[in-house]
C-alpha atoms as a PDB file:
ATOM      1  CA  ALA A   1      18.916   8.242 -16.987  1.00  0.00           C
ATOM      2  CA  ALA A   2      19.872   5.658 -19.628  1.00  0.00           C
ATOM      3  CA  GLN A   3      20.619   8.414 -22.126  1.00  0.00           C
ATOM      4  CA  ALA A   4      22.794  10.262 -19.611  1.00  0.00           C
ATOM      5  CA  ALA A   5      24.703   7.029 -18.875  1.00  0.00           C
ATOM      6  CA  ALA A   6      25.265   6.410 -22.597  1.00  0.00           C
ATOM      7  CA  GLN A   7      26.536   9.969 -23.081  1.00  0.00           C
ATOM      8  CA  ALA A   8      28.849   9.661 -20.054  1.00  0.00           C
ATOM      9  CA  ALA A   9      30.244   6.420 -21.497  1.00  0.00           C
ATOM     10  CA  LEU A  10      30.982   8.147 -24.816  1.00  0.00           C
ATOM     11  CA  LEU A  11      32.713  11.027 -23.063  1.00  0.00           C
ATOM     12  CA  SER A  12      34.727   8.683 -20.840  1.00  0.00           C
ATOM     13  CA  ARG A  13      36.277   6.858 -23.790  1.00  0.00           C
ATOM     14  CA  LEU A  14      37.080  10.031 -25.753  1.00  0.00           C
ATOM     15  CA  ASP A  15      40.754   9.966 -24.737  1.00  0.00           C
ATOM     16  CA  ALA A  16      41.076   6.342 -25.870  1.00  0.00           C
ATOM     17  CA  ASP A  17      39.396   7.171 -29.185  1.00  0.00           C
ATOM     18  CA  LEU A  18      41.688  10.173 -29.713  1.00  0.00           C
ATOM     19  CA  ALA A  19      44.723   8.014 -28.861  1.00  0.00           C
ATOM     20  CA  ALA A  20      43.627   5.588 -31.587  1.00  0.00           C
ATOM     21  CA  LEU A  21      43.526   8.514 -34.048  1.00  0.00           C
ATOM     22  CA  GLU A  22      47.025   9.532 -32.913  1.00  0.00           C
ATOM     23  CA  ALA A  23      48.250   6.055 -33.806  1.00  0.00           C
ATOM     24  CA  CYS A  24      46.883   6.292 -37.369  1.00  0.00           C
ATOM     25  CA  ALA A  25      49.250   7.973 -39.825  1.00  0.00           C
ATOM     26  CA  LEU A  26      47.842   9.702 -42.895  1.00  0.00           C
ATOM     27  CA  HIS A  27      48.721   8.457 -46.357  1.00  0.00           C
ATOM     28  CA  PRO A  28      51.908  10.254 -47.458  1.00  0.00           C
ATOM     29  CA  ALA A  29      49.988  11.958 -50.293  1.00  0.00           C
ATOM     30  CA  LEU A  30      47.729  13.633 -47.705  1.00  0.00           C
ATOM     31  CA  CYS A  31      50.494  14.735 -45.362  1.00  0.00           C
ATOM     32  CA  ALA A  32      51.384  18.406 -45.034  1.00  0.00           C
ATOM     33  CA  PRO A  33      53.262  20.442 -42.452  1.00  0.00           C
ATOM     34  CA  GLY A  34      51.469  19.838 -39.115  1.00  0.00           C
ATOM     35  CA  LEU A  35      49.234  17.193 -40.713  1.00  0.00           C
ATOM     36  CA  ALA A  36      50.729  13.703 -40.407  1.00  0.00           C
ATOM     37  CA  ARG A  37      48.246  11.781 -38.315  1.00  0.00           C
ATOM     38  CA  LEU A  38      44.438  11.528 -38.144  1.00  0.00           C
ATOM     39  CA  SER A  39      44.607  13.327 -34.795  1.00  0.00           C
ATOM     40  CA  ASP A  40      46.058  16.380 -36.593  1.00  0.00           C
ATOM     41  CA  LEU A  41      42.867  16.958 -38.618  1.00  0.00           C
ATOM     42  CA  PRO A  42      40.897  20.121 -37.685  1.00  0.00           C
ATOM     43  CA  ALA A  43      37.694  18.080 -37.197  1.00  0.00           C
ATOM     44  CA  VAL A  44      39.405  16.151 -34.379  1.00  0.00           C
ATOM     45  CA  ALA A  45      40.247  19.410 -32.588  1.00  0.00           C
ATOM     46  CA  ARG A  46      36.653  20.549 -32.967  1.00  0.00           C
ATOM     47  CA  ALA A  47      35.434  17.165 -31.671  1.00  0.00           C
ATOM     48  CA  ARG A  48      37.734  17.513 -28.619  1.00  0.00           C
ATOM     49  CA  GLU A  49      36.361  21.017 -27.914  1.00  0.00           C
ATOM     50  CA  ALA A  50      32.777  19.799 -28.349  1.00  0.00           C
ATOM     51  CA  ALA A  51      33.427  16.853 -26.023  1.00  0.00           C
ATOM     52  CA  GLU A  52      34.881  19.172 -23.376  1.00  0.00           C
ATOM     53  CA  GLY A  53      31.822  21.459 -23.688  1.00  0.00           C
ATOM     54  CA  CYS A  54      29.507  18.463 -23.440  1.00  0.00           C
ATOM     55  CA  ALA A  55      31.334  17.234 -20.330  1.00  0.00           C
ATOM     56  CA  ARG A  56      30.993  20.648 -18.664  1.00  0.00           C
ATOM     57  CA  SER A  57      27.293  20.827 -19.632  1.00  0.00           C
ATOM     58  CA  ALA A  58      26.673  17.279 -18.381  1.00  0.00           C
ATOM     59  CA  GLN A  59      28.311  18.115 -15.034  1.00  0.00           C
ATOM     60  CA  SER A  60      26.248  21.303 -14.725  1.00  0.00           C
ATOM     61  CA  LEU A  61      23.054  19.482 -15.666  1.00  0.00           C
ATOM     62  CA  ALA A  62      23.792  16.663 -13.204  1.00  0.00           C
ATOM     63  CA  ALA A  63      24.296  19.236 -10.437  1.00  0.00           C
ATOM     64  CA  LYS A  64      21.004  20.970 -11.293  1.00  0.00           C
ATOM     65  CA  VAL A  65      19.164  17.634 -11.443  1.00  0.00           C
ATOM     66  CA  GLY A  66      20.595  16.771  -8.028  1.00  0.00           C
ATOM     67  CA  GLU A  67      19.373  20.110  -6.646  1.00  0.00           C
ATOM     68  CA  LEU A  68      15.920  19.588  -8.142  1.00  0.00           C
ATOM     69  CA  GLU A  69      15.731  16.067  -6.750  1.00  0.00           C
ATOM     70  CA  GLY A  70      16.458  17.525  -3.314  1.00  0.00           C
ATOM     71  CA  VAL A  71      13.763  20.164  -3.771  1.00  0.00           C
ATOM     72  CA  ALA A  72      11.280  17.539  -5.007  1.00  0.00           C
ATOM     73  CA  GLU A  73      12.036  15.321  -2.005  1.00  0.00           C
ATOM     74  CA  GLY A  74      11.496  18.277   0.323  1.00  0.00           C
ATOM     75  CA  LEU A  75       8.196  19.092  -1.365  1.00  0.00           C
ATOM     76  CA  LYS A  76       7.125  15.465  -1.079  1.00  0.00           C
ATOM     77  CA  ARG A  77       7.863  15.490   2.662  1.00  0.00           C
ATOM     78  CA  ASP A  78       5.952  18.787   3.049  1.00  0.00           C
ATOM     79  CA  VAL A  79       2.918  17.445   1.183  1.00  0.00           C
ATOM     80  CA  GLU A  80       2.927  14.253   3.222  1.00  0.00           C
ATOM     81  CA  ALA A  81       3.095  16.309   6.431  1.00  0.00           C
ATOM     82  CA  LEU A  82       0.186  18.467   5.237  1.00  0.00           C
ATOM     83  CA  LEU A  83      -1.844  15.383   4.363  1.00  0.00           C
ATOM     84  CA  LEU A  84      -1.281  14.018   7.847  1.00  0.00           C
ATOM     85  CA  GLN A  85      -2.619  17.287   9.293  1.00  0.00           C
ATOM     86  CA  ALA A  86      -5.633  17.468   6.979  1.00  0.00           C
ATOM     87  CA  PRO A  87      -8.974  16.539   8.476  1.00  0.00           C
ATOM     88  CA  ARG A  88     -10.409  13.201   7.524  1.00  0.00           C
ATOM     89  CA  ILE A  89     -13.685  13.516   5.665  1.00  0.00           C
ATOM     90  CA  ASP A  90     -16.233  10.730   5.838  1.00  0.00           C
ATOM     91  CA  LEU A  91     -17.761  11.019   2.373  1.00  0.00           C
ATOM     92  CA  ASP A  92     -20.565   8.569   3.181  1.00  0.00           C
ATOM     93  CA  ALA A  93     -21.617  10.616   6.209  1.00  0.00           C
ATOM     94  CA  LEU A  94     -21.328  13.813   4.196  1.00  0.00           C
ATOM     95  CA  GLY A  95     -23.484  12.306   1.433  1.00  0.00           C
ATOM     96  CA  SER A  96     -26.096  11.228   3.982  1.00  0.00           C
ATOM     97  CA  ALA A  97     -26.157  14.710   5.496  1.00  0.00           C
ATOM     98  CA  VAL A  98     -26.581  16.298   2.062  1.00  0.00           C
ATOM     99  CA  GLY A  99     -29.349  13.806   1.246  1.00  0.00           C
ATOM    100  CA  GLY A 100     -31.087  14.648   4.525  1.00  0.00           C
ATOM    101  CA  GLY A 101     -30.797  18.351   3.738  1.00  0.00           C
ATOM    102  CA  GLU A 102     -32.280  17.802   0.293  1.00  0.00           C
ATOM    103  CA  ALA A 103     -35.201  15.864   1.793  1.00  0.00           C
ATOM    104  CA  ALA A 104     -35.828  18.624   4.346  1.00  0.00           C
ATOM    105  CA  THR A 105     -35.714  21.239   1.576  1.00  0.00           C
ATOM    106  CA  GLU A 106     -38.221  19.261  -0.496  1.00  0.00           C
ATOM    107  CA  GLU A 107     -40.512  18.922   2.518  1.00  0.00           C
ATOM    108  CA  GLN A 108     -40.316  22.645   3.220  1.00  0.00           C
ATOM    109  CA  GLY A 109     -41.011  23.374  -0.442  1.00  0.00           C
ATOM    110  CA  ALA A 110     -44.134  21.205  -0.261  1.00  0.00           C
ATOM    111  CA  LEU A 111     -45.248  23.040   2.886  1.00  0.00           C
ATOM    112  CA  VAL A 112     -44.766  26.397   1.168  1.00  0.00           C
ATOM    113  CA  GLN A 113     -46.933  25.198  -1.721  1.00  0.00           C
ATOM    114  CA  VAL A 114     -49.690  24.053   0.673  1.00  0.00           C
ATOM    115  CA  MET A 115     -49.514  27.319   2.625  1.00  0.00           C
ATOM    116  CA  THR A 116     -49.634  29.373  -0.594  1.00  0.00           C
ATOM    117  CA  LYS A 117     -52.704  27.427  -1.758  1.00  0.00           C
ATOM    118  CA  ASP A 118     -54.377  27.841   1.647  1.00  0.00           C
ATOM    119  CA  LEU A 119     -53.584  31.561   1.629  1.00  0.00           C
ATOM    120  CA  ALA A 120     -55.379  31.868  -1.693  1.00  0.00           C
ATOM    121  CA  THR A 121     -58.320  29.937  -0.191  1.00  0.00           C
ATOM    122  CA  VAL A 122     -58.496  32.252   2.837  1.00  0.00           C
ATOM    123  CA  ARG A 123     -58.349  35.328   0.587  1.00  0.00           C
ATOM    124  CA  GLY A 124     -61.245  33.945  -1.419  1.00  0.00           C
ATOM    125  CA  LEU A 125     -63.226  33.257   1.799  1.00  0.00           C
ATOM    126  CA  VAL A 126     -62.585  36.796   3.037  1.00  0.00           C
ATOM    127  CA  GLU A 127     -63.633  38.301  -0.309  1.00  0.00           C
ATOM    128  CA  ARG A 128     -66.879  36.286  -0.324  1.00  0.00           C
ATOM    129  CA  THR A 129     -67.594  37.283   3.275  1.00  0.00           C
ATOM    130  CA  VAL A 130     -67.015  40.955   2.469  1.00  0.00           C
ATOM    131  CA  ARG A 131     -69.394  40.684  -0.501  1.00  0.00           C
ATOM    132  CA  ALA A 132     -72.007  38.922   1.651  1.00  0.00           C
ATOM    133  CA  LEU A 133     -71.794  41.649   4.281  1.00  0.00           C
ATOM    134  CA  ALA A 134     -72.030  44.344   1.635  1.00  0.00           C
ATOM    135  CA  HIS A 135     -75.277  42.838   0.314  1.00  0.00           C
ATOM    136  CA  GLY A 136     -76.657  42.422   3.830  1.00  0.00           C
ATOM    137  CA  GLY A 137     -79.499  40.066   4.624  1.00  0.00           C
ATOM    138  CA  GLY A 138     -79.888  37.150   6.987  1.00  0.00           C
ATOM    139  CA  GLY A 139     -77.614  34.930   4.979  1.00  0.00           C
ATOM    140  CA  ALA A 140     -74.663  37.195   5.731  1.00  0.00           C
ATOM    141  CA  THR A 141     -74.450  36.080   9.349  1.00  0.00           C
ATOM    142  CA  GLN A 142     -74.536  32.415   8.394  1.00  0.00           C
ATOM    143  CA  ALA A 143     -71.936  33.075   5.658  1.00  0.00           C
ATOM    144  CA  LEU A 144     -69.660  34.690   8.256  1.00  0.00           C
ATOM    145  CA  VAL A 145     -69.993  31.691  10.544  1.00  0.00           C
ATOM    146  CA  ASP A 146     -69.316  29.288   7.677  1.00  0.00           C
ATOM    147  CA  GLU A 147     -66.291  31.252   6.453  1.00  0.00           C
ATOM    148  CA  ALA A 148     -64.894  31.640   9.992  1.00  0.00           C
ATOM    149  CA  GLY A 149     -65.255  27.882  10.470  1.00  0.00           C
ATOM    150  CA  ALA A 150     -63.324  27.197   7.252  1.00  0.00           C
ATOM    151  CA  VAL A 151     -60.513  29.573   8.269  1.00  0.00           C
ATOM    152  CA  ALA A 152     -60.405  28.007  11.764  1.00  0.00           C
ATOM    153  CA  ALA A 153     -60.164  24.520  10.216  1.00  0.00           C
ATOM    154  CA  LEU A 154     -57.215  25.611   8.016  1.00  0.00           C
ATOM    155  CA  ALA A 155     -55.519  27.232  11.010  1.00  0.00           C
ATOM    156  CA  ALA A 156     -55.944  24.060  13.099  1.00  0.00           C
ATOM    157  CA  HIS A 157     -54.584  21.938  10.247  1.00  0.00           C
ATOM    158  CA  HIS A 158     -51.484  24.121   9.969  1.00  0.00           C
ATOM    159  CA  ARG A 159     -50.916  24.152  13.728  1.00  0.00           C
ATOM    160  CA  GLU A 160     -50.971  20.340  13.733  1.00  0.00           C
ATOM    161  CA  ARG A 161     -48.501  20.057  10.833  1.00  0.00           C
ATOM    162  CA  LEU A 162     -46.219  22.965  11.680  1.00  0.00           C
ATOM    163  CA  GLY A 163     -46.647  23.427  15.392  1.00  0.00           C
ATOM    164  CA  PRO A 164     -43.771  23.195  17.854  1.00  0.00           C
END
């Protein structure tokens, strides 16, 4: 903005600067037909053309900046309206819910480990019972009772921990 103001100030005093050049006569040794004043020098004509081009460009740029400012203001209003419509999220409550979910997942993981271990125990009991039955004898009946009691105890334990 400050740069644009400085450039506008330079362009606004161009006519006064060119009038000052018009007032300055060249030394008689430098004069030629059509060249009697500083304002007659070709560089002055080029400076005038450049200044006119700069003025047109500055006007065009100012118009585009004005358009973009309008667009930016519209976007700002749209974003503010969207933010007002957005749901409010309670991050503390969300964090607590996630923490509770993590705790439940850990608890379920521990239960799966216990159940996997107990499954291995039951498989071992069944294998021993099958071997005892295959060998026969009076001890087989007692082994079946003992093994059935162990499986029943595990089942009761799981019903207590996991039951409805």
